[in-house]
């Protein structure tokens, strides 16, 4: 995992943000685990994914 950049990091953040939008308001770490994300990914990428999901949802 590359926490400070890289294509894999961006893809993971984007996939996580889309999963958050799909689950909807109140999405939890447990919801993301059910979507296939590991706990370490949620901890590392969750904050950025949340920011991205917010922007994506407002743009829709």
PDB file of N, CA and C in Angstrom:
ATOM      1  N   UNK A   1       0.836  -1.187   0.000  1.00  0.00           N
ATOM      2  CA  UNK A   1       0.000   0.000   0.000  1.00  0.00           C
ATOM      3  C   UNK A   1       0.873   1.240   0.000  1.00  0.00           C
ATOM      4  N   UNK A   2       0.465   2.221  -0.719  1.00  0.00           N
ATOM      5  CA  UNK A   2       1.204   3.470  -0.783  1.00  0.00           C
ATOM      6  C   UNK A   2       0.343   4.576  -0.193  1.00  0.00           C
ATOM      7  N   UNK A   3       0.503   4.870   1.095  1.00  0.00           N
ATOM      8  CA  UNK A   3      -0.399   5.811   1.753  1.00  0.00           C
ATOM      9  C   UNK A   3      -0.260   7.250   1.280  1.00  0.00           C
ATOM     10  N   UNK A   4       0.827   7.585   0.621  1.00  0.00           N
ATOM     11  CA  UNK A   4       1.030   8.980   0.226  1.00  0.00           C
ATOM     12  C   UNK A   4       0.909   9.210  -1.262  1.00  0.00           C
ATOM     13  N   UNK A   5       0.313   8.310  -1.983  1.00  0.00           N
ATOM     14  CA  UNK A   5       0.136   8.526  -3.413  1.00  0.00           C
ATOM     15  C   UNK A   5       0.214   7.230  -4.172  1.00  0.00           C
ATOM     16  N   UNK A   6       0.221   7.341  -5.465  1.00  0.00           N
ATOM     17  CA  UNK A   6       0.276   6.168  -6.314  1.00  0.00           C
ATOM     18  C   UNK A   6      -1.100   5.798  -6.825  1.00  0.00           C
ATOM     19  N   UNK A   7      -1.100   5.098  -7.946  1.00  0.00           N
ATOM     20  CA  UNK A   7      -2.349   4.723  -8.613  1.00  0.00           C
ATOM     21  C   UNK A   7      -3.197   3.812  -7.730  1.00  0.00           C
ATOM     22  N   UNK A   8      -2.577   2.857  -7.054  1.00  0.00           N
ATOM     23  CA  UNK A   8      -3.335   1.943  -6.209  1.00  0.00           C
ATOM     24  C   UNK A   8      -4.047   2.690  -5.090  1.00  0.00           C
ATOM     25  N   UNK A   9      -3.372   3.662  -4.507  1.00  0.00           N
ATOM     26  CA  UNK A   9      -3.977   4.473  -3.447  1.00  0.00           C
ATOM     27  C   UNK A   9      -5.179   5.237  -3.977  1.00  0.00           C
ATOM     28  N   UNK A  10      -5.008   5.889  -5.117  1.00  0.00           N
ATOM     29  CA  UNK A  10      -6.123   6.663  -5.702  1.00  0.00           C
ATOM     30  C   UNK A  10      -7.294   5.759  -6.033  1.00  0.00           C
ATOM     31  N   UNK A  11      -7.005   4.585  -6.600  1.00  0.00           N
ATOM     32  CA  UNK A  11      -8.084   3.657  -6.944  1.00  0.00           C
ATOM     33  C   UNK A  11      -8.831   3.191  -5.701  1.00  0.00           C
ATOM     34  N   UNK A  12      -8.099   2.894  -4.648  1.00  0.00           N
ATOM     35  CA  UNK A  12      -8.738   2.438  -3.407  1.00  0.00           C
ATOM     36  C   UNK A  12      -9.613   3.530  -2.816  1.00  0.00           C
ATOM     37  N   UNK A  13      -9.105   4.759  -2.785  1.00  0.00           N
ATOM     38  CA  UNK A  13      -9.882   5.880  -2.251  1.00  0.00           C
ATOM     39  C   UNK A  13     -11.141   6.096  -3.086  1.00  0.00           C
ATOM     40  N   UNK A  14     -11.006   6.030  -4.402  1.00  0.00           N
ATOM     41  CA  UNK A  14     -12.159   6.220  -5.281  1.00  0.00           C
ATOM     42  C   UNK A  14     -13.187   5.111  -5.090  1.00  0.00           C
ATOM     43  N   UNK A  15     -12.724   3.858  -5.036  1.00  0.00           N
ATOM     44  CA  UNK A  15     -13.652   2.740  -4.815  1.00  0.00           C
ATOM     45  C   UNK A  15     -14.356   2.863  -3.470  1.00  0.00           C
ATOM     46  N   UNK A  16     -13.603   3.287  -2.453  1.00  0.00           N
ATOM     47  CA  UNK A  16     -14.186   3.431  -1.123  1.00  0.00           C
ATOM     48  C   UNK A  16     -15.214   4.559  -1.105  1.00  0.00           C
ATOM     49  N   UNK A  17     -14.909   5.661  -1.760  1.00  0.00           N
ATOM     50  CA  UNK A  17     -15.856   6.779  -1.820  1.00  0.00           C
ATOM     51  C   UNK A  17     -17.145   6.357  -2.519  1.00  0.00           C
ATOM     52  N   UNK A  18     -17.018   5.612  -3.604  1.00  0.00           N
ATOM     53  CA  UNK A  18     -18.212   5.129  -4.311  1.00  0.00           C
ATOM     54  C   UNK A  18     -19.017   4.175  -3.435  1.00  0.00           C
ATOM     55  N   UNK A  19     -18.334   3.335  -2.672  1.00  0.00           N
ATOM     56  CA  UNK A  19     -19.031   2.428  -1.756  1.00  0.00           C
ATOM     57  C   UNK A  19     -19.768   3.214  -0.685  1.00  0.00           C
ATOM     58  N   UNK A  20     -19.145   4.277  -0.186  1.00  0.00           N
ATOM     59  CA  UNK A  20     -19.785   5.121   0.826  1.00  0.00           C
ATOM     60  C   UNK A  20     -21.062   5.749   0.279  1.00  0.00           C
ATOM     61  N   UNK A  21     -20.990   6.223  -0.948  1.00  0.00           N
ATOM     62  CA  UNK A  21     -22.167   6.833  -1.573  1.00  0.00           C
ATOM     63  C   UNK A  21     -23.256   5.784  -1.766  1.00  0.00           C
ATOM     64  N   UNK A  22     -22.855   4.587  -2.179  1.00  0.00           N
ATOM     65  CA  UNK A  22     -23.814   3.512  -2.392  1.00  0.00           C
ATOM     66  C   UNK A  22     -24.534   3.137  -1.095  1.00  0.00           C
ATOM     67  N   UNK A  23     -23.790   3.070   0.003  1.00  0.00           N
ATOM     68  CA  UNK A  23     -24.395   2.746   1.302  1.00  0.00           C
ATOM     69  C   UNK A  23     -25.281   3.899   1.768  1.00  0.00           C
ATOM     70  N   UNK A  24     -24.802   5.109   1.556  1.00  0.00           N
ATOM     71  CA  UNK A  24     -25.581   6.279   1.932  1.00  0.00           C
ATOM     72  C   UNK A  24     -25.152   6.863   3.263  1.00  0.00           C
ATOM     73  N   UNK A  25     -25.895   7.861   3.683  1.00  0.00           N
ATOM     74  CA  UNK A  25     -25.585   8.556   4.932  1.00  0.00           C
ATOM     75  C   UNK A  25     -25.554   7.559   6.086  1.00  0.00           C
ATOM     76  N   UNK A  26     -24.588   7.727   6.947  1.00  0.00           N
ATOM     77  CA  UNK A  26     -24.451   6.832   8.085  1.00  0.00           C
ATOM     78  C   UNK A  26     -23.600   5.612   7.793  1.00  0.00           C
ATOM     79  N   UNK A  27     -22.895   5.625   6.658  1.00  0.00           N
ATOM     80  CA  UNK A  27     -22.010   4.525   6.302  1.00  0.00           C
ATOM     81  C   UNK A  27     -20.967   4.326   7.406  1.00  0.00           C
ATOM     82  N   UNK A  28     -20.777   3.082   7.825  1.00  0.00           N
ATOM     83  CA  UNK A  28     -19.847   2.777   8.905  1.00  0.00           C
ATOM     84  C   UNK A  28     -18.695   1.921   8.390  1.00  0.00           C
ATOM     85  N   UNK A  29     -17.701   1.750   9.233  1.00  0.00           N
ATOM     86  CA  UNK A  29     -16.583   0.875   8.900  1.00  0.00           C
ATOM     87  C   UNK A  29     -17.079  -0.547   8.648  1.00  0.00           C
ATOM     88  N   UNK A  30     -18.061  -0.978   9.393  1.00  0.00           N
ATOM     89  CA  UNK A  30     -18.622  -2.317   9.170  1.00  0.00           C
ATOM     90  C   UNK A  30     -19.244  -2.428   7.780  1.00  0.00           C
ATOM     91  N   UNK A  31     -19.921  -1.372   7.345  1.00  0.00           N
ATOM     92  CA  UNK A  31     -20.489  -1.361   5.995  1.00  0.00           C
ATOM     93  C   UNK A  31     -19.383  -1.506   4.955  1.00  0.00           C
ATOM     94  N   UNK A  32     -18.280  -0.800   5.169  1.00  0.00           N
ATOM     95  CA  UNK A  32     -17.169  -0.866   4.218  1.00  0.00           C
ATOM     96  C   UNK A  32     -16.502  -2.238   4.239  1.00  0.00           C
ATOM     97  N   UNK A  33     -16.415  -2.858   5.408  1.00  0.00           N
ATOM     98  CA  UNK A  33     -15.870  -4.220   5.482  1.00  0.00           C
ATOM     99  C   UNK A  33     -16.742  -5.177   4.680  1.00  0.00           C
ATOM    100  N   UNK A  34     -18.053  -4.998   4.760  1.00  0.00           N
ATOM    101  CA  UNK A  34     -18.966  -5.837   3.983  1.00  0.00           C
ATOM    102  C   UNK A  34     -18.798  -5.610   2.487  1.00  0.00           C
ATOM    103  N   UNK A  35     -18.285  -4.455   2.107  1.00  0.00           N
ATOM    104  CA  UNK A  35     -18.024  -4.138   0.699  1.00  0.00           C
ATOM    105  C   UNK A  35     -16.652  -4.636   0.255  1.00  0.00           C
ATOM    106  N   UNK A  36     -15.906  -5.261   1.169  1.00  0.00           N
ATOM    107  CA  UNK A  36     -14.640  -5.863   0.796  1.00  0.00           C
ATOM    108  C   UNK A  36     -13.388  -5.107   1.184  1.00  0.00           C
ATOM    109  N   UNK A  37     -13.517  -4.034   1.934  1.00  0.00           N
ATOM    110  CA  UNK A  37     -12.341  -3.273   2.362  1.00  0.00           C
ATOM    111  C   UNK A  37     -11.820  -3.838   3.676  1.00  0.00           C
ATOM    112  N   UNK A  38     -10.499  -3.858   3.803  1.00  0.00           N
ATOM    113  CA  UNK A  38      -9.863  -4.323   5.030  1.00  0.00           C
ATOM    114  C   UNK A  38      -9.836  -3.189   6.060  1.00  0.00           C
ATOM    115  N   UNK A  39      -9.703  -3.568   7.321  1.00  0.00           N
ATOM    116  CA  UNK A  39      -9.663  -2.593   8.408  1.00  0.00           C
ATOM    117  C   UNK A  39      -8.518  -1.601   8.222  1.00  0.00           C
ATOM    118  N   UNK A  40      -7.346  -2.080   7.804  1.00  0.00           N
ATOM    119  CA  UNK A  40      -6.211  -1.169   7.618  1.00  0.00           C
ATOM    120  C   UNK A  40      -6.470  -0.187   6.482  1.00  0.00           C
ATOM    121  N   UNK A  41      -7.163  -0.620   5.441  1.00  0.00           N
ATOM    122  CA  UNK A  41      -7.513   0.293   4.352  1.00  0.00           C
ATOM    123  C   UNK A  41      -8.497   1.357   4.834  1.00  0.00           C
ATOM    124  N   UNK A  42      -9.458   0.943   5.615  1.00  0.00           N
ATOM    125  CA  UNK A  42     -10.465   1.880   6.126  1.00  0.00           C
ATOM    126  C   UNK A  42      -9.801   2.925   7.020  1.00  0.00           C
ATOM    127  N   UNK A  43      -8.898   2.482   7.870  1.00  0.00           N
ATOM    128  CA  UNK A  43      -8.189   3.398   8.755  1.00  0.00           C
ATOM    129  C   UNK A  43      -7.326   4.372   7.972  1.00  0.00           C
ATOM    130  N   UNK A  44      -6.611   3.857   6.975  1.00  0.00           N
ATOM    131  CA  UNK A  44      -5.664   4.667   6.223  1.00  0.00           C
ATOM    132  C   UNK A  44      -6.346   5.592   5.221  1.00  0.00           C
ATOM    133  N   UNK A  45      -7.304   5.049   4.477  1.00  0.00           N
ATOM    134  CA  UNK A  45      -7.901   5.801   3.369  1.00  0.00           C
ATOM    135  C   UNK A  45      -9.277   6.385   3.672  1.00  0.00           C
ATOM    136  N   UNK A  46      -9.887   5.974   4.769  1.00  0.00           N
ATOM    137  CA  UNK A  46     -11.240   6.416   5.091  1.00  0.00           C
ATOM    138  C   UNK A  46     -11.443   7.920   5.110  1.00  0.00           C
ATOM    139  N   UNK A  47     -10.561   8.673   5.774  1.00  0.00           N
ATOM    140  CA  UNK A  47     -10.762  10.127   5.804  1.00  0.00           C
ATOM    141  C   UNK A  47     -10.762  10.780   4.411  1.00  0.00           C
ATOM    142  N   UNK A  48      -9.823  10.370   3.563  1.00  0.00           N
ATOM    143  CA  UNK A  48      -9.779  10.935   2.201  1.00  0.00           C
ATOM    144  C   UNK A  48     -10.976  10.469   1.383  1.00  0.00           C
ATOM    145  N   UNK A  49     -11.364   9.212   1.569  1.00  0.00           N
ATOM    146  CA  UNK A  49     -12.522   8.693   0.855  1.00  0.00           C
ATOM    147  C   UNK A  49     -13.795   9.420   1.277  1.00  0.00           C
ATOM    148  N   UNK A  50     -13.892   9.758   2.551  1.00  0.00           N
ATOM    149  CA  UNK A  50     -15.049  10.506   3.038  1.00  0.00           C
ATOM    150  C   UNK A  50     -15.113  11.882   2.384  1.00  0.00           C
ATOM    151  N   UNK A  51     -13.964  12.550   2.309  1.00  0.00           N
ATOM    152  CA  UNK A  51     -13.914  13.856   1.647  1.00  0.00           C
ATOM    153  C   UNK A  51     -14.343  13.740   0.188  1.00  0.00           C
ATOM    154  N   UNK A  52     -13.807  12.737  -0.504  1.00  0.00           N
ATOM    155  CA  UNK A  52     -14.141  12.541  -1.913  1.00  0.00           C
ATOM    156  C   UNK A  52     -15.617  12.203  -2.090  1.00  0.00           C
ATOM    157  N   UNK A  53     -16.149  11.340  -1.242  1.00  0.00           N
ATOM    158  CA  UNK A  53     -17.559  10.967  -1.329  1.00  0.00           C
ATOM    159  C   UNK A  53     -18.461  12.187  -1.152  1.00  0.00           C
ATOM    160  N   UNK A  54     -18.092  13.072  -0.243  1.00  0.00           N
ATOM    161  CA  UNK A  54     -18.863  14.291  -0.024  1.00  0.00           C
ATOM    162  C   UNK A  54     -18.876  15.155  -1.272  1.00  0.00           C
ATOM    163  N   UNK A  55     -17.713  15.334  -1.882  1.00  0.00           N
ATOM    164  CA  UNK A  55     -17.617  16.125  -3.104  1.00  0.00           C
ATOM    165  C   UNK A  55     -18.401  15.475  -4.243  1.00  0.00           C
ATOM    166  N   UNK A  56     -18.252  14.167  -4.382  1.00  0.00           N
ATOM    167  CA  UNK A  56     -18.952  13.454  -5.450  1.00  0.00           C
ATOM    168  C   UNK A  56     -20.468  13.531  -5.274  1.00  0.00           C
ATOM    169  N   UNK A  57     -20.929  13.406  -4.047  1.00  0.00           N
ATOM    170  CA  UNK A  57     -22.364  13.439  -3.790  1.00  0.00           C
ATOM    171  C   UNK A  57     -22.941  14.826  -4.067  1.00  0.00           C
ATOM    172  N   UNK A  58     -22.195  15.859  -3.733  1.00  0.00           N
ATOM    173  CA  UNK A  58     -22.659  17.228  -3.978  1.00  0.00           C
ATOM    174  C   UNK A  58     -22.682  17.543  -5.463  1.00  0.00           C
ATOM    175  N   UNK A  59     -21.765  16.932  -6.221  1.00  0.00           N
ATOM    176  CA  UNK A  59     -21.680  17.184  -7.655  1.00  0.00           C
ATOM    177  C   UNK A  59     -22.769  16.457  -8.438  1.00  0.00           C
ATOM    178  N   UNK A  60     -23.341  15.410  -7.842  1.00  0.00           N
ATOM    179  CA  UNK A  60     -24.333  14.592  -8.534  1.00  0.00           C
ATOM    180  C   UNK A  60     -25.678  15.268  -8.609  1.00  0.00           C
TER     181      UNK A  60
END
